[in-house]
Amino acid sequence: MPCDELRMANALFLAGIPICAILMSPLAGWILEIFNDLRWLFFITGGLPLVWVVIWWFGVEDEPGKAKWLSTAEKKYIQDA
């Protein structure tokens, strides 16, 4: 991956940390208010990453050459970088 794109990918990844805190704080309060039990907060906030793992496992390939959702030009661009 070229350096400029790697920097942008890293910046977007790191931007997710404060965005997650901003979004999850009120959501956690809402979950606690609705279910009135701390266990549900852990189940729900722990279950969302597990759903994401399943989506990622079946949707993303190990190598760019195997990815069905990439065009041939994009595959070549990634592999040549």
PDB file of N, CA and C in Angstrom:
ATOM      1  N   MET A   1       0.855  -1.171   0.000  1.00  0.00           N
ATOM      2  CA  MET A   1       0.000   0.000   0.000  1.00  0.00           C
ATOM      3  C   MET A   1       0.903   1.238   0.000  1.00  0.00           C
ATOM      4  N   PRO A   2       0.635   2.194  -0.871  1.00  0.00           N
ATOM      5  CA  PRO A   2       1.442   3.420  -0.885  1.00  0.00           C
ATOM      6  C   PRO A   2       1.351   4.166   0.443  1.00  0.00           C
ATOM      7  N   CYS A   3       2.409   4.916   0.740  1.00  0.00           N
ATOM      8  CA  CYS A   3       2.520   5.599   2.038  1.00  0.00           C
ATOM      9  C   CYS A   3       1.359   6.554   2.305  1.00  0.00           C
ATOM     10  N   ASP A   4       0.943   7.313   1.282  1.00  0.00           N
ATOM     11  CA  ASP A   4      -0.152   8.267   1.484  1.00  0.00           C
ATOM     12  C   ASP A   4      -1.454   7.556   1.877  1.00  0.00           C
ATOM     13  N   GLU A   5      -1.733   6.445   1.208  1.00  0.00           N
ATOM     14  CA  GLU A   5      -2.950   5.706   1.520  1.00  0.00           C
ATOM     15  C   GLU A   5      -2.831   5.002   2.867  1.00  0.00           C
ATOM     16  N   LEU A   6      -1.649   4.554   3.194  1.00  0.00           N
ATOM     17  CA  LEU A   6      -1.430   3.927   4.493  1.00  0.00           C
ATOM     18  C   LEU A   6      -1.637   4.930   5.623  1.00  0.00           C
ATOM     19  N   ARG A   7      -1.151   6.140   5.426  1.00  0.00           N
ATOM     20  CA  ARG A   7      -1.365   7.199   6.424  1.00  0.00           C
ATOM     21  C   ARG A   7      -2.842   7.495   6.615  1.00  0.00           C
ATOM     22  N   MET A   8      -3.576   7.578   5.512  1.00  0.00           N
ATOM     23  CA  MET A   8      -5.003   7.871   5.586  1.00  0.00           C
ATOM     24  C   MET A   8      -5.753   6.730   6.269  1.00  0.00           C
ATOM     25  N   ALA A   9      -5.419   5.496   5.935  1.00  0.00           N
ATOM     26  CA  ALA A   9      -6.069   4.346   6.570  1.00  0.00           C
ATOM     27  C   ALA A   9      -5.797   4.336   8.067  1.00  0.00           C
ATOM     28  N   ASN A  10      -4.572   4.630   8.456  1.00  0.00           N
ATOM     29  CA  ASN A  10      -4.213   4.674   9.869  1.00  0.00           C
ATOM     30  C   ASN A  10      -4.960   5.801  10.580  1.00  0.00           C
ATOM     31  N   ALA A  11      -5.057   6.957   9.951  1.00  0.00           N
ATOM     32  CA  ALA A  11      -5.764   8.094  10.546  1.00  0.00           C
ATOM     33  C   ALA A  11      -7.245   7.782  10.734  1.00  0.00           C
ATOM     34  N   LEU A  12      -7.862   7.149   9.750  1.00  0.00           N
ATOM     35  CA  LEU A  12      -9.280   6.797   9.871  1.00  0.00           C
ATOM     36  C   LEU A  12      -9.495   5.762  10.971  1.00  0.00           C
ATOM     37  N   PHE A  13      -8.583   4.797  11.057  1.00  0.00           N
ATOM     38  CA  PHE A  13      -8.677   3.789  12.108  1.00  0.00           C
ATOM     39  C   PHE A  13      -8.583   4.442  13.484  1.00  0.00           C
ATOM     40  N   LEU A  14      -7.612   5.306  13.667  1.00  0.00           N
ATOM     41  CA  LEU A  14      -7.424   5.954  14.967  1.00  0.00           C
ATOM     42  C   LEU A  14      -8.537   6.950  15.283  1.00  0.00           C
ATOM     43  N   ALA A  15      -9.159   7.525  14.259  1.00  0.00           N
ATOM     44  CA  ALA A  15     -10.282   8.435  14.488  1.00  0.00           C
ATOM     45  C   ALA A  15     -11.494   7.690  15.037  1.00  0.00           C
ATOM     46  N   GLY A  16     -11.547   6.395  14.799  1.00  0.00           N
ATOM     47  CA  GLY A  16     -12.662   5.597  15.301  1.00  0.00           C
ATOM     48  C   GLY A  16     -12.703   5.492  16.808  1.00  0.00           C
ATOM     49  N   ILE A  17     -11.561   5.645  17.472  1.00  0.00           N
ATOM     50  CA  ILE A  17     -11.515   5.507  18.929  1.00  0.00           C
ATOM     51  C   ILE A  17     -12.339   6.600  19.617  1.00  0.00           C
ATOM     52  N   PRO A  18     -12.082   7.891  19.354  1.00  0.00           N
ATOM     53  CA  PRO A  18     -12.923   8.901  20.012  1.00  0.00           C
ATOM     54  C   PRO A  18     -14.358   8.911  19.495  1.00  0.00           C
ATOM     55  N   ILE A  19     -14.556   8.571  18.229  1.00  0.00           N
ATOM     56  CA  ILE A  19     -15.919   8.517  17.693  1.00  0.00           C
ATOM     57  C   ILE A  19     -16.716   7.439  18.411  1.00  0.00           C
ATOM     58  N   CYS A  20     -16.079   6.308  18.656  1.00  0.00           N
ATOM     59  CA  CYS A  20     -16.733   5.225  19.391  1.00  0.00           C
ATOM     60  C   CYS A  20     -17.099   5.679  20.798  1.00  0.00           C
ATOM     61  N   ALA A  21     -16.205   6.383  21.458  1.00  0.00           N
ATOM     62  CA  ALA A  21     -16.496   6.866  22.809  1.00  0.00           C
ATOM     63  C   ALA A  21     -17.667   7.844  22.803  1.00  0.00           C
ATOM     64  N   ILE A  22     -17.724   8.702  21.800  1.00  0.00           N
ATOM     65  CA  ILE A  22     -18.805   9.684  21.707  1.00  0.00           C
ATOM     66  C   ILE A  22     -20.149   8.994  21.464  1.00  0.00           C
ATOM     67  N   LEU A  23     -20.150   7.976  20.614  1.00  0.00           N
ATOM     68  CA  LEU A  23     -21.397   7.288  20.281  1.00  0.00           C
ATOM     69  C   LEU A  23     -21.828   6.293  21.356  1.00  0.00           C
ATOM     70  N   MET A  24     -20.881   5.585  21.931  1.00  0.00           N
ATOM     71  CA  MET A  24     -21.235   4.521  22.866  1.00  0.00           C
ATOM     72  C   MET A  24     -21.613   5.028  24.255  1.00  0.00           C
ATOM     73  N   SER A  25     -21.129   6.189  24.654  1.00  0.00           N
ATOM     74  CA  SER A  25     -21.476   6.694  25.990  1.00  0.00           C
ATOM     75  C   SER A  25     -22.982   6.886  26.150  1.00  0.00           C
ATOM     76  N   PRO A  26     -23.645   7.625  25.247  1.00  0.00           N
ATOM     77  CA  PRO A  26     -25.100   7.745  25.403  1.00  0.00           C
ATOM     78  C   PRO A  26     -25.827   6.432  25.129  1.00  0.00           C
ATOM     79  N   LEU A  27     -25.296   5.622  24.201  1.00  0.00           N
ATOM     80  CA  LEU A  27     -25.932   4.341  23.904  1.00  0.00           C
ATOM     81  C   LEU A  27     -25.879   3.419  25.123  1.00  0.00           C
ATOM     82  N   ALA A  28     -24.752   3.405  25.822  1.00  0.00           N
ATOM     83  CA  ALA A  28     -24.630   2.588  27.035  1.00  0.00           C
ATOM     84  C   ALA A  28     -25.616   3.058  28.098  1.00  0.00           C
ATOM     85  N   GLY A  29     -25.766   4.364  28.241  1.00  0.00           N
ATOM     86  CA  GLY A  29     -26.748   4.890  29.186  1.00  0.00           C
ATOM     87  C   GLY A  29     -28.159   4.478  28.819  1.00  0.00           C
ATOM     88  N   TRP A  30     -28.464   4.509  27.535  1.00  0.00           N
ATOM     89  CA  TRP A  30     -29.788   4.118  27.063  1.00  0.00           C
ATOM     90  C   TRP A  30     -30.035   2.626  27.322  1.00  0.00           C
ATOM     91  N   ILE A  31     -29.029   1.791  27.053  1.00  0.00           N
ATOM     92  CA  ILE A  31     -29.159   0.347  27.293  1.00  0.00           C
ATOM     93  C   ILE A  31     -29.400   0.084  28.779  1.00  0.00           C
ATOM     94  N   LEU A  32     -28.652   0.772  29.635  1.00  0.00           N
ATOM     95  CA  LEU A  32     -28.841   0.594  31.081  1.00  0.00           C
ATOM     96  C   LEU A  32     -30.222   1.068  31.530  1.00  0.00           C
ATOM     97  N   GLU A  33     -30.712   2.145  30.918  1.00  0.00           N
ATOM     98  CA  GLU A  33     -32.023   2.663  31.282  1.00  0.00           C
ATOM     99  C   GLU A  33     -33.132   1.698  30.854  1.00  0.00           C
ATOM    100  N   ILE A  34     -33.002   1.123  29.663  1.00  0.00           N
ATOM    101  CA  ILE A  34     -34.033   0.226  29.136  1.00  0.00           C
ATOM    102  C   ILE A  34     -34.035  -1.113  29.876  1.00  0.00           C
ATOM    103  N   PHE A  35     -32.865  -1.747  29.991  1.00  0.00           N
ATOM    104  CA  PHE A  35     -32.786  -3.094  30.560  1.00  0.00           C
ATOM    105  C   PHE A  35     -32.561  -3.096  32.071  1.00  0.00           C
ATOM    106  N   ASN A  36     -32.069  -1.987  32.610  1.00  0.00           N
ATOM    107  CA  ASN A  36     -31.856  -1.835  34.048  1.00  0.00           C
ATOM    108  C   ASN A  36     -30.989  -2.957  34.621  1.00  0.00           C
ATOM    109  N   ASP A  37     -30.030  -3.414  33.834  1.00  0.00           N
ATOM    110  CA  ASP A  37     -29.145  -4.489  34.273  1.00  0.00           C
ATOM    111  C   ASP A  37     -27.811  -4.343  33.552  1.00  0.00           C
ATOM    112  N   LEU A  38     -26.748  -4.341  34.319  1.00  0.00           N
ATOM    113  CA  LEU A  38     -25.417  -4.154  33.748  1.00  0.00           C
ATOM    114  C   LEU A  38     -25.011  -5.310  32.841  1.00  0.00           C
ATOM    115  N   ARG A  39     -25.544  -6.509  33.114  1.00  0.00           N
ATOM    116  CA  ARG A  39     -25.192  -7.672  32.279  1.00  0.00           C
ATOM    117  C   ARG A  39     -25.610  -7.465  30.827  1.00  0.00           C
ATOM    118  N   TRP A  40     -26.776  -6.858  30.606  1.00  0.00           N
ATOM    119  CA  TRP A  40     -27.236  -6.627  29.240  1.00  0.00           C
ATOM    120  C   TRP A  40     -26.310  -5.676  28.488  1.00  0.00           C
ATOM    121  N   LEU A  41     -25.769  -4.722  29.206  1.00  0.00           N
ATOM    122  CA  LEU A  41     -24.809  -3.816  28.576  1.00  0.00           C
ATOM    123  C   LEU A  41     -23.607  -4.597  28.062  1.00  0.00           C
ATOM    124  N   PHE A  42     -23.103  -5.499  28.864  1.00  0.00           N
ATOM    125  CA  PHE A  42     -21.970  -6.314  28.434  1.00  0.00           C
ATOM    126  C   PHE A  42     -22.348  -7.250  27.289  1.00  0.00           C
ATOM    127  N   PHE A  43     -23.542  -7.850  27.337  1.00  0.00           N
ATOM    128  CA  PHE A  43     -23.969  -8.747  26.265  1.00  0.00           C
ATOM    129  C   PHE A  43     -24.104  -8.006  24.933  1.00  0.00           C
ATOM    130  N   ILE A  44     -24.733  -6.852  24.970  1.00  0.00           N
ATOM    131  CA  ILE A  44     -24.983  -6.105  23.735  1.00  0.00           C
ATOM    132  C   ILE A  44     -23.688  -5.523  23.179  1.00  0.00           C
ATOM    133  N   THR A  45     -22.910  -4.856  24.034  1.00  0.00           N
ATOM    134  CA  THR A  45     -21.673  -4.248  23.533  1.00  0.00           C
ATOM    135  C   THR A  45     -20.616  -5.296  23.206  1.00  0.00           C
ATOM    136  N   GLY A  46     -20.700  -6.468  23.795  1.00  0.00           N
ATOM    137  CA  GLY A  46     -19.787  -7.554  23.435  1.00  0.00           C
ATOM    138  C   GLY A  46     -20.263  -8.333  22.227  1.00  0.00           C
ATOM    139  N   GLY A  47     -21.569  -8.335  21.999  1.00  0.00           N
ATOM    140  CA  GLY A  47     -22.123  -9.073  20.863  1.00  0.00           C
ATOM    141  C   GLY A  47     -21.926  -8.375  19.535  1.00  0.00           C
ATOM    142  N   LEU A  48     -21.907  -7.052  19.547  1.00  0.00           N
ATOM    143  CA  LEU A  48     -21.725  -6.314  18.289  1.00  0.00           C
ATOM    144  C   LEU A  48     -20.385  -6.633  17.618  1.00  0.00           C
ATOM    145  N   PRO A  49     -19.269  -6.668  18.356  1.00  0.00           N
ATOM    146  CA  PRO A  49     -18.014  -7.061  17.702  1.00  0.00           C
ATOM    147  C   PRO A  49     -18.040  -8.495  17.187  1.00  0.00           C
ATOM    148  N   LEU A  50     -18.757  -9.386  17.850  1.00  0.00           N
ATOM    149  CA  LEU A  50     -18.849 -10.758  17.360  1.00  0.00           C
ATOM    150  C   LEU A  50     -19.600 -10.822  16.034  1.00  0.00           C
ATOM    151  N   VAL A  51     -20.631 -10.011  15.891  1.00  0.00           N
ATOM    152  CA  VAL A  51     -21.343  -9.928  14.605  1.00  0.00           C
ATOM    153  C   VAL A  51     -20.392  -9.410  13.531  1.00  0.00           C
ATOM    154  N   TRP A  52     -19.599  -8.395  13.868  1.00  0.00           N
ATOM    155  CA  TRP A  52     -18.639  -7.837  12.919  1.00  0.00           C
ATOM    156  C   TRP A  52     -17.595  -8.882  12.514  1.00  0.00           C
ATOM    157  N   VAL A  53     -17.163  -9.726  13.457  1.00  0.00           N
ATOM    158  CA  VAL A  53     -16.182 -10.778  13.151  1.00  0.00           C
ATOM    159  C   VAL A  53     -16.752 -11.743  12.117  1.00  0.00           C
ATOM    160  N   VAL A  54     -18.007 -12.114  12.265  1.00  0.00           N
ATOM    161  CA  VAL A  54     -18.630 -13.042  11.309  1.00  0.00           C
ATOM    162  C   VAL A  54     -18.710 -12.402   9.931  1.00  0.00           C
ATOM    163  N   ILE A  55     -19.119 -11.140   9.873  1.00  0.00           N
ATOM    164  CA  ILE A  55     -19.183 -10.432   8.588  1.00  0.00           C
ATOM    165  C   ILE A  55     -17.798 -10.364   7.959  1.00  0.00           C
ATOM    166  N   TRP A  56     -16.795 -10.025   8.750  1.00  0.00           N
ATOM    167  CA  TRP A  56     -15.427  -9.896   8.250  1.00  0.00           C
ATOM    168  C   TRP A  56     -14.900 -11.254   7.775  1.00  0.00           C
ATOM    169  N   TRP A  57     -15.170 -12.312   8.541  1.00  0.00           N
ATOM    170  CA  TRP A  57     -14.667 -13.649   8.229  1.00  0.00           C
ATOM    171  C   TRP A  57     -15.151 -14.105   6.851  1.00  0.00           C
ATOM    172  N   PHE A  58     -16.421 -13.853   6.556  1.00  0.00           N
ATOM    173  CA  PHE A  58     -16.981 -14.309   5.287  1.00  0.00           C
ATOM    174  C   PHE A  58     -16.871 -13.273   4.171  1.00  0.00           C
ATOM    175  N   GLY A  59     -16.594 -12.020   4.492  1.00  0.00           N
ATOM    176  CA  GLY A  59     -16.604 -10.982   3.476  1.00  0.00           C
ATOM    177  C   GLY A  59     -15.248 -10.527   2.983  1.00  0.00           C
ATOM    178  N   VAL A  60     -14.181 -10.835   3.738  1.00  0.00           N
ATOM    179  CA  VAL A  60     -12.862 -10.335   3.379  1.00  0.00           C
ATOM    180  C   VAL A  60     -11.923 -11.511   3.136  1.00  0.00           C
ATOM    181  N   GLU A  61     -11.183 -11.432   2.050  1.00  0.00           N
ATOM    182  CA  GLU A  61     -10.241 -12.492   1.694  1.00  0.00           C
ATOM    183  C   GLU A  61      -8.867 -12.224   2.293  1.00  0.00           C
ATOM    184  N   ASP A  62      -8.039 -13.267   2.335  1.00  0.00           N
ATOM    185  CA  ASP A  62      -6.691 -13.143   2.887  1.00  0.00           C
ATOM    186  C   ASP A  62      -5.732 -12.428   1.943  1.00  0.00           C
ATOM    187  N   GLU A  63      -5.985 -12.524   0.670  1.00  0.00           N
ATOM    188  CA  GLU A  63      -5.109 -11.915  -0.332  1.00  0.00           C
ATOM    189  C   GLU A  63      -5.938 -11.065  -1.288  1.00  0.00           C
ATOM    190  N   PRO A  64      -5.364  -9.953  -1.781  1.00  0.00           N
ATOM    191  CA  PRO A  64      -6.127  -9.101  -2.703  1.00  0.00           C
ATOM    192  C   PRO A  64      -6.520  -9.833  -3.986  1.00  0.00           C
ATOM    193  N   GLY A  65      -5.705 -10.772  -4.434  1.00  0.00           N
ATOM    194  CA  GLY A  65      -6.008 -11.497  -5.664  1.00  0.00           C
ATOM    195  C   GLY A  65      -7.261 -12.349  -5.578  1.00  0.00           C
ATOM    196  N   LYS A  66      -7.654 -12.730  -4.378  1.00  0.00           N
ATOM    197  CA  LYS A  66      -8.837 -13.569  -4.180  1.00  0.00           C
ATOM    198  C   LYS A  66     -10.107 -12.766  -3.921  1.00  0.00           C
ATOM    199  N   ALA A  67      -9.977 -11.474  -3.683  1.00  0.00           N
ATOM    200  CA  ALA A  67     -11.136 -10.640  -3.338  1.00  0.00           C
ATOM    201  C   ALA A  67     -12.055 -10.468  -4.547  1.00  0.00           C
ATOM    202  N   LYS A  68     -13.308 -10.844  -4.377  1.00  0.00           N
ATOM    203  CA  LYS A  68     -14.292 -10.738  -5.464  1.00  0.00           C
ATOM    204  C   LYS A  68     -14.779  -9.308  -5.652  1.00  0.00           C
ATOM    205  N   TRP A  69     -14.695  -8.507  -4.609  1.00  0.00           N
ATOM    206  CA  TRP A  69     -15.240  -7.162  -4.642  1.00  0.00           C
ATOM    207  C   TRP A  69     -14.247  -6.132  -5.155  1.00  0.00           C
ATOM    208  N   LEU A  70     -13.015  -6.550  -5.486  1.00  0.00           N
ATOM    209  CA  LEU A  70     -12.022  -5.644  -6.062  1.00  0.00           C
ATOM    210  C   LEU A  70     -11.973  -5.824  -7.572  1.00  0.00           C
ATOM    211  N   SER A  71     -11.820  -4.725  -8.290  1.00  0.00           N
ATOM    212  CA  SER A  71     -11.664  -4.828  -9.738  1.00  0.00           C
ATOM    213  C   SER A  71     -10.257  -5.329 -10.059  1.00  0.00           C
ATOM    214  N   THR A  72     -10.036  -5.744 -11.264  1.00  0.00           N
ATOM    215  CA  THR A  72      -8.720  -6.237 -11.673  1.00  0.00           C
ATOM    216  C   THR A  72      -7.669  -5.145 -11.550  1.00  0.00           C
ATOM    217  N   ALA A  73      -8.026  -3.925 -11.896  1.00  0.00           N
ATOM    218  CA  ALA A  73      -7.083  -2.797 -11.787  1.00  0.00           C
ATOM    219  C   ALA A  73      -6.705  -2.543 -10.320  1.00  0.00           C
ATOM    220  N   GLU A  74      -7.682  -2.630  -9.429  1.00  0.00           N
ATOM    221  CA  GLU A  74      -7.398  -2.409  -8.006  1.00  0.00           C
ATOM    222  C   GLU A  74      -6.514  -3.524  -7.447  1.00  0.00           C
ATOM    223  N   LYS A  75      -6.786  -4.753  -7.846  1.00  0.00           N
ATOM    224  CA  LYS A  75      -5.950  -5.874  -7.403  1.00  0.00           C
ATOM    225  C   LYS A  75      -4.501  -5.675  -7.836  1.00  0.00           C
ATOM    226  N   LYS A  76      -4.323  -5.291  -9.093  1.00  0.00           N
ATOM    227  CA  LYS A  76      -2.969  -5.080  -9.625  1.00  0.00           C
ATOM    228  C   LYS A  76      -2.292  -3.924  -8.889  1.00  0.00           C
ATOM    229  N   TYR A  77      -3.022  -2.850  -8.624  1.00  0.00           N
ATOM    230  CA  TYR A  77      -2.480  -1.692  -7.920  1.00  0.00           C
ATOM    231  C   TYR A  77      -1.985  -2.070  -6.523  1.00  0.00           C
ATOM    232  N   ILE A  78      -2.767  -2.865  -5.818  1.00  0.00           N
ATOM    233  CA  ILE A  78      -2.391  -3.280  -4.469  1.00  0.00           C
ATOM    234  C   ILE A  78      -1.213  -4.237  -4.497  1.00  0.00           C
ATOM    235  N   GLN A  79      -1.232  -5.177  -5.402  1.00  0.00           N
ATOM    236  CA  GLN A  79      -0.177  -6.182  -5.466  1.00  0.00           C
ATOM    237  C   GLN A  79       1.145  -5.594  -5.943  1.00  0.00           C
ATOM    238  N   ASP A  80       1.094  -4.561  -6.782  1.00  0.00           N
ATOM    239  CA  ASP A  80       2.329  -3.936  -7.281  1.00  0.00           C
ATOM    240  C   ASP A  80       2.939  -2.963  -6.289  1.00  0.00           C
ATOM    241  N   ALA A  81       2.171  -2.534  -5.308  1.00  0.00           N
ATOM    242  CA  ALA A  81       2.661  -1.511  -4.366  1.00  0.00           C
ATOM    243  C   ALA A  81       3.666  -2.046  -3.394  1.00  0.00           C
TER     244      ALA A  81
END
